[in-house]
Amino acid sequence: MTEVPLVNGEANRQGGALPRYVLRLYVTGTSPRAQVAIDNLRRICEQDLRGQYDLEIIDVLAHPEVAESEKILATPTLIKQLPPPLRRVIGDLSDKEKVLLGLEVRPDSTTNDRSQ
């Protein structure tokens, strides 16, 4: 597996209702664990981010310098770069609720609003 280019969701389908998420998933080669994490993340993105995301998948075997600069110690590791704050989730991303909570993703208007 090599670096996969950005996978863009359907831009602005919600008319700006959701923030744009910038995600990077670091995986190791074509292992079954890497493929499970990729599949799980794509499903979460399509179901819960409703096209408001950019996803880059990086193979740390092909790009070790990128993994080193990001201090990736374990794979799969998902990093939410935007919107702030930066968040990391490590593992195969099979627990959707933990992934959404870990990334502080608020996928729709039914999620509790923390505004004051």
N, C-alpha and C. Protein backbone atom coordinates (compact mmCIF):
# COMPACT_ATOMS: atom_id res chain seq x y z
N MET A 1 0.86 -1.17 0.00
CA MET A 1 0.00 0.00 0.00
C MET A 1 0.89 1.22 0.00
N THR A 2 0.54 2.19 -0.78
CA THR A 2 1.25 3.46 -0.79
C THR A 2 0.30 4.53 -0.28
N GLU A 3 0.82 5.74 -0.25
CA GLU A 3 -0.02 6.83 0.23
C GLU A 3 -1.23 6.96 -0.68
N VAL A 4 -2.38 7.07 -0.07
CA VAL A 4 -3.63 7.24 -0.81
C VAL A 4 -3.92 8.73 -0.86
N PRO A 5 -4.24 9.28 -2.03
CA PRO A 5 -4.53 10.70 -2.10
C PRO A 5 -5.77 11.06 -1.29
N LEU A 6 -5.96 12.34 -1.10
CA LEU A 6 -7.12 12.80 -0.37
C LEU A 6 -8.39 12.23 -0.95
N VAL A 7 -9.25 11.78 -0.07
CA VAL A 7 -10.58 11.31 -0.47
C VAL A 7 -11.53 12.39 -0.01
N ASN A 8 -12.12 13.10 -0.93
CA ASN A 8 -13.00 14.19 -0.56
C ASN A 8 -14.43 13.71 -0.47
N GLY A 9 -15.07 14.10 0.61
CA GLY A 9 -16.50 13.85 0.72
C GLY A 9 -17.23 14.82 -0.19
N GLU A 10 -18.50 14.70 -0.25
CA GLU A 10 -19.30 15.59 -1.08
C GLU A 10 -19.27 16.98 -0.46
N ALA A 11 -18.66 17.90 -1.15
CA ALA A 11 -18.42 19.23 -0.59
C ALA A 11 -19.71 20.00 -0.37
N ASN A 12 -19.82 20.53 0.83
CA ASN A 12 -20.90 21.47 1.19
C ASN A 12 -22.30 20.97 0.89
N ARG A 13 -22.51 19.67 0.97
CA ARG A 13 -23.85 19.13 0.75
C ARG A 13 -24.84 19.66 1.78
N GLN A 14 -24.35 19.94 2.98
CA GLN A 14 -25.22 20.43 4.05
C GLN A 14 -25.26 21.94 4.12
N GLY A 15 -24.71 22.62 3.12
CA GLY A 15 -24.75 24.07 3.12
C GLY A 15 -23.97 24.68 4.27
N GLY A 16 -22.89 24.03 4.69
CA GLY A 16 -22.05 24.58 5.74
C GLY A 16 -22.53 24.24 7.13
N ALA A 17 -23.50 23.36 7.29
CA ALA A 17 -24.03 23.02 8.60
C ALA A 17 -22.99 22.31 9.46
N LEU A 18 -22.08 21.58 8.84
CA LEU A 18 -21.05 20.86 9.56
C LEU A 18 -19.70 21.49 9.28
N PRO A 19 -18.78 21.45 10.26
CA PRO A 19 -17.43 21.91 9.97
C PRO A 19 -16.75 20.91 9.03
N ARG A 20 -15.72 21.33 8.36
CA ARG A 20 -14.95 20.45 7.48
C ARG A 20 -13.90 19.77 8.33
N TYR A 21 -13.87 18.44 8.33
CA TYR A 21 -12.90 17.67 9.09
C TYR A 21 -11.74 17.29 8.20
N VAL A 22 -10.53 17.48 8.71
CA VAL A 22 -9.32 17.08 8.01
C VAL A 22 -8.70 15.95 8.83
N LEU A 23 -8.69 14.76 8.23
CA LEU A 23 -8.28 13.54 8.92
C LEU A 23 -7.10 12.89 8.21
N ARG A 24 -6.18 12.33 9.01
CA ARG A 24 -5.07 11.55 8.47
C ARG A 24 -5.06 10.22 9.21
N LEU A 25 -5.07 9.14 8.45
CA LEU A 25 -4.99 7.80 9.04
C LEU A 25 -3.65 7.19 8.67
N TYR A 26 -2.87 6.83 9.68
CA TYR A 26 -1.57 6.20 9.49
C TYR A 26 -1.73 4.69 9.67
N VAL A 27 -1.31 3.94 8.66
CA VAL A 27 -1.41 2.49 8.69
C VAL A 27 -0.06 1.88 8.33
N THR A 28 0.08 0.58 8.59
CA THR A 28 1.30 -0.13 8.25
C THR A 28 0.99 -1.13 7.16
N GLY A 29 1.39 -0.79 5.94
CA GLY A 29 1.24 -1.70 4.81
C GLY A 29 -0.19 -2.10 4.54
N THR A 30 -0.34 -3.34 4.09
CA THR A 30 -1.64 -3.87 3.69
C THR A 30 -2.15 -4.92 4.66
N SER A 31 -1.79 -4.77 5.91
CA SER A 31 -2.19 -5.76 6.91
C SER A 31 -3.71 -5.78 7.06
N PRO A 32 -4.25 -6.91 7.53
CA PRO A 32 -5.69 -6.96 7.78
C PRO A 32 -6.14 -5.87 8.77
N ARG A 33 -5.34 -5.59 9.77
CA ARG A 33 -5.68 -4.55 10.76
C ARG A 33 -5.77 -3.18 10.09
N ALA A 34 -4.86 -2.91 9.17
CA ALA A 34 -4.89 -1.64 8.43
C ALA A 34 -6.16 -1.55 7.60
N GLN A 35 -6.51 -2.63 6.92
CA GLN A 35 -7.70 -2.60 6.06
C GLN A 35 -8.98 -2.44 6.88
N VAL A 36 -9.04 -3.08 8.04
CA VAL A 36 -10.20 -2.93 8.92
C VAL A 36 -10.34 -1.47 9.36
N ALA A 37 -9.23 -0.86 9.75
CA ALA A 37 -9.27 0.54 10.18
C ALA A 37 -9.72 1.45 9.05
N ILE A 38 -9.22 1.22 7.84
CA ILE A 38 -9.61 2.03 6.68
C ILE A 38 -11.11 1.88 6.41
N ASP A 39 -11.59 0.64 6.40
CA ASP A 39 -13.01 0.40 6.15
C ASP A 39 -13.88 1.04 7.22
N ASN A 40 -13.48 0.87 8.49
CA ASN A 40 -14.25 1.45 9.59
C ASN A 40 -14.29 2.97 9.49
N LEU A 41 -13.16 3.59 9.20
CA LEU A 41 -13.11 5.05 9.12
C LEU A 41 -13.94 5.57 7.94
N ARG A 42 -13.86 4.92 6.81
CA ARG A 42 -14.65 5.36 5.66
C ARG A 42 -16.14 5.27 5.95
N ARG A 43 -16.54 4.22 6.64
CA ARG A 43 -17.96 4.06 7.01
C ARG A 43 -18.39 5.17 7.97
N ILE A 44 -17.57 5.45 8.97
CA ILE A 44 -17.88 6.51 9.93
C ILE A 44 -17.96 7.86 9.21
N CYS A 45 -17.02 8.12 8.33
CA CYS A 45 -17.01 9.40 7.61
C CYS A 45 -18.26 9.57 6.77
N GLU A 46 -18.63 8.54 6.04
CA GLU A 46 -19.81 8.65 5.18
C GLU A 46 -21.10 8.77 5.99
N GLN A 47 -21.20 8.03 7.08
CA GLN A 47 -22.43 8.03 7.86
C GLN A 47 -22.56 9.24 8.78
N ASP A 48 -21.46 9.68 9.36
CA ASP A 48 -21.54 10.68 10.42
C ASP A 48 -20.97 12.05 10.05
N LEU A 49 -20.12 12.11 9.08
CA LEU A 49 -19.56 13.41 8.69
C LEU A 49 -20.23 13.94 7.43
N ARG A 50 -21.06 13.13 6.83
CA ARG A 50 -21.91 13.54 5.71
C ARG A 50 -21.18 14.32 4.63
N GLY A 51 -20.01 13.80 4.26
CA GLY A 51 -19.26 14.39 3.17
C GLY A 51 -18.44 15.61 3.54
N GLN A 52 -18.46 16.00 4.79
CA GLN A 52 -17.72 17.20 5.22
C GLN A 52 -16.34 16.82 5.75
N TYR A 53 -15.55 16.14 4.93
CA TYR A 53 -14.24 15.69 5.39
C TYR A 53 -13.27 15.55 4.24
N ASP A 54 -11.99 15.63 4.60
CA ASP A 54 -10.89 15.27 3.72
C ASP A 54 -10.11 14.20 4.47
N LEU A 55 -9.84 13.10 3.80
CA LEU A 55 -9.16 11.98 4.42
C LEU A 55 -7.92 11.64 3.63
N GLU A 56 -6.82 11.53 4.34
CA GLU A 56 -5.56 11.10 3.74
C GLU A 56 -5.11 9.85 4.48
N ILE A 57 -4.78 8.81 3.74
CA ILE A 57 -4.30 7.57 4.33
C ILE A 57 -2.82 7.45 4.00
N ILE A 58 -2.01 7.28 5.04
CA ILE A 58 -0.56 7.25 4.88
C ILE A 58 -0.02 5.93 5.38
N ASP A 59 0.71 5.26 4.50
CA ASP A 59 1.40 4.01 4.84
C ASP A 59 2.75 4.38 5.43
N VAL A 60 2.95 4.07 6.70
CA VAL A 60 4.19 4.45 7.37
C VAL A 60 5.40 3.67 6.85
N LEU A 61 5.17 2.53 6.21
CA LEU A 61 6.28 1.80 5.60
C LEU A 61 6.80 2.53 4.36
N ALA A 62 5.89 3.13 3.62
CA ALA A 62 6.26 3.86 2.41
C ALA A 62 6.74 5.28 2.72
N HIS A 63 6.28 5.84 3.84
CA HIS A 63 6.60 7.23 4.19
C HIS A 63 7.01 7.33 5.66
N PRO A 64 8.12 6.68 6.04
CA PRO A 64 8.51 6.69 7.46
C PRO A 64 8.85 8.08 7.98
N GLU A 65 9.31 8.97 7.10
CA GLU A 65 9.65 10.33 7.54
C GLU A 65 8.41 11.10 8.00
N VAL A 66 7.28 10.84 7.35
CA VAL A 66 6.03 11.50 7.75
C VAL A 66 5.59 10.97 9.11
N ALA A 67 5.67 9.66 9.28
CA ALA A 67 5.30 9.06 10.56
C ALA A 67 6.21 9.57 11.67
N GLU A 68 7.48 9.71 11.39
CA GLU A 68 8.41 10.21 12.40
C GLU A 68 8.11 11.66 12.76
N SER A 69 7.83 12.48 11.75
CA SER A 69 7.55 13.90 12.03
C SER A 69 6.26 14.08 12.82
N GLU A 70 5.31 13.16 12.66
CA GLU A 70 4.04 13.23 13.39
C GLU A 70 4.08 12.44 14.70
N LYS A 71 5.26 11.84 14.98
CA LYS A 71 5.45 11.04 16.20
C LYS A 71 4.44 9.90 16.31
N ILE A 72 4.28 9.18 15.20
CA ILE A 72 3.39 8.02 15.17
C ILE A 72 4.14 6.83 15.75
N LEU A 73 3.68 6.33 16.89
CA LEU A 73 4.34 5.22 17.57
C LEU A 73 3.62 3.89 17.37
N ALA A 74 2.36 3.95 16.99
CA ALA A 74 1.55 2.74 16.79
C ALA A 74 0.61 2.98 15.62
N THR A 75 0.27 1.90 14.94
CA THR A 75 -0.70 2.00 13.86
C THR A 75 -1.77 0.94 14.06
N PRO A 76 -2.94 1.21 13.55
CA PRO A 76 -3.42 2.43 12.92
C PRO A 76 -3.58 3.56 13.93
N THR A 77 -3.25 4.78 13.49
CA THR A 77 -3.46 6.00 14.26
C THR A 77 -4.21 6.98 13.38
N LEU A 78 -5.29 7.51 13.90
CA LEU A 78 -6.07 8.52 13.21
C LEU A 78 -5.83 9.86 13.89
N ILE A 79 -5.53 10.88 13.09
CA ILE A 79 -5.35 12.23 13.62
C ILE A 79 -6.38 13.14 12.98
N LYS A 80 -7.12 13.84 13.83
CA LYS A 80 -8.02 14.90 13.36
C LYS A 80 -7.23 16.18 13.46
N GLN A 81 -6.90 16.76 12.30
CA GLN A 81 -6.13 17.99 12.28
C GLN A 81 -7.04 19.22 12.39
N LEU A 82 -8.16 19.18 11.73
CA LEU A 82 -9.13 20.27 11.78
C LEU A 82 -10.52 19.69 11.92
N PRO A 83 -11.42 20.37 12.56
CA PRO A 83 -11.25 21.60 13.31
C PRO A 83 -10.51 21.35 14.61
N PRO A 84 -9.90 22.40 15.18
CA PRO A 84 -9.18 22.24 16.44
C PRO A 84 -10.11 21.77 17.53
N PRO A 85 -9.59 21.15 18.56
CA PRO A 85 -8.20 20.83 18.80
C PRO A 85 -7.79 19.55 18.07
N LEU A 86 -6.48 19.40 17.86
CA LEU A 86 -5.95 18.19 17.27
C LEU A 86 -6.25 17.02 18.19
N ARG A 87 -6.71 15.91 17.61
CA ARG A 87 -7.03 14.71 18.39
C ARG A 87 -6.45 13.49 17.70
N ARG A 88 -6.11 12.46 18.51
CA ARG A 88 -5.59 11.20 17.99
C ARG A 88 -6.43 10.04 18.54
N VAL A 89 -6.65 9.06 17.69
CA VAL A 89 -7.30 7.83 18.10
C VAL A 89 -6.46 6.69 17.56
N ILE A 90 -6.10 5.76 18.42
CA ILE A 90 -5.26 4.63 18.03
C ILE A 90 -6.08 3.36 18.08
N GLY A 91 -5.95 2.52 17.05
CA GLY A 91 -6.64 1.24 17.01
C GLY A 91 -7.36 1.05 15.70
N ASP A 92 -8.16 -0.01 15.62
CA ASP A 92 -8.81 -0.36 14.35
C ASP A 92 -10.10 0.42 14.09
N LEU A 93 -10.46 1.33 15.00
CA LEU A 93 -11.60 2.23 14.83
C LEU A 93 -12.93 1.48 14.74
N SER A 94 -13.00 0.31 15.35
CA SER A 94 -14.21 -0.50 15.27
C SER A 94 -15.32 -0.02 16.19
N ASP A 95 -14.99 0.72 17.24
CA ASP A 95 -16.01 1.25 18.15
C ASP A 95 -16.35 2.67 17.71
N LYS A 96 -17.39 2.78 16.92
CA LYS A 96 -17.78 4.05 16.31
C LYS A 96 -17.98 5.15 17.35
N GLU A 97 -18.68 4.85 18.43
CA GLU A 97 -18.95 5.86 19.45
C GLU A 97 -17.67 6.38 20.08
N LYS A 98 -16.71 5.49 20.34
CA LYS A 98 -15.44 5.92 20.92
C LYS A 98 -14.64 6.76 19.93
N VAL A 99 -14.71 6.41 18.66
CA VAL A 99 -14.01 7.19 17.63
C VAL A 99 -14.61 8.60 17.57
N LEU A 100 -15.93 8.69 17.50
CA LEU A 100 -16.58 10.00 17.43
C LEU A 100 -16.30 10.83 18.69
N LEU A 101 -16.34 10.19 19.84
CA LEU A 101 -16.05 10.89 21.09
C LEU A 101 -14.59 11.33 21.13
N GLY A 102 -13.69 10.43 20.75
CA GLY A 102 -12.27 10.74 20.78
C GLY A 102 -11.90 11.88 19.85
N LEU A 103 -12.57 11.97 18.74
CA LEU A 103 -12.29 13.04 17.78
C LEU A 103 -13.11 14.30 18.03
N GLU A 104 -13.98 14.24 19.03
CA GLU A 104 -14.89 15.34 19.33
C GLU A 104 -15.72 15.71 18.11
N VAL A 105 -16.21 14.69 17.44
CA VAL A 105 -17.04 14.89 16.26
C VAL A 105 -18.48 15.04 16.70
N ARG A 106 -19.11 16.08 16.21
CA ARG A 106 -20.53 16.29 16.46
C ARG A 106 -21.21 16.21 15.10
N PRO A 107 -21.64 15.00 14.72
CA PRO A 107 -22.05 14.76 13.35
C PRO A 107 -23.34 15.41 12.89
N ASP A 108 -24.24 15.73 13.79
CA ASP A 108 -25.49 16.33 13.32
C ASP A 108 -26.08 17.21 14.41
N SER A 109 -27.17 17.87 14.08
CA SER A 109 -27.77 18.83 15.00
C SER A 109 -28.44 18.16 16.19
N THR A 110 -28.61 16.83 16.18
CA THR A 110 -29.20 16.14 17.32
C THR A 110 -28.20 15.93 18.44
N THR A 111 -26.91 16.16 18.15
CA THR A 111 -25.89 16.05 19.17
C THR A 111 -26.00 17.25 20.09
N ASN A 112 -25.78 17.04 21.38
CA ASN A 112 -25.90 18.15 22.33
C ASN A 112 -24.98 19.29 21.94
N ASP A 113 -25.52 20.47 21.93
CA ASP A 113 -24.77 21.68 21.61
C ASP A 113 -24.16 22.21 22.90
N ARG A 114 -22.85 22.47 22.89
CA ARG A 114 -22.19 22.97 24.08
C ARG A 114 -22.03 24.48 24.07
N SER A 115 -22.68 25.15 23.15
CA SER A 115 -22.55 26.60 23.10
C SER A 115 -23.28 27.22 24.28
N GLN A 116 -22.87 28.44 24.65
CA GLN A 116 -23.42 29.05 25.85
C GLN A 116 -24.36 30.16 25.52
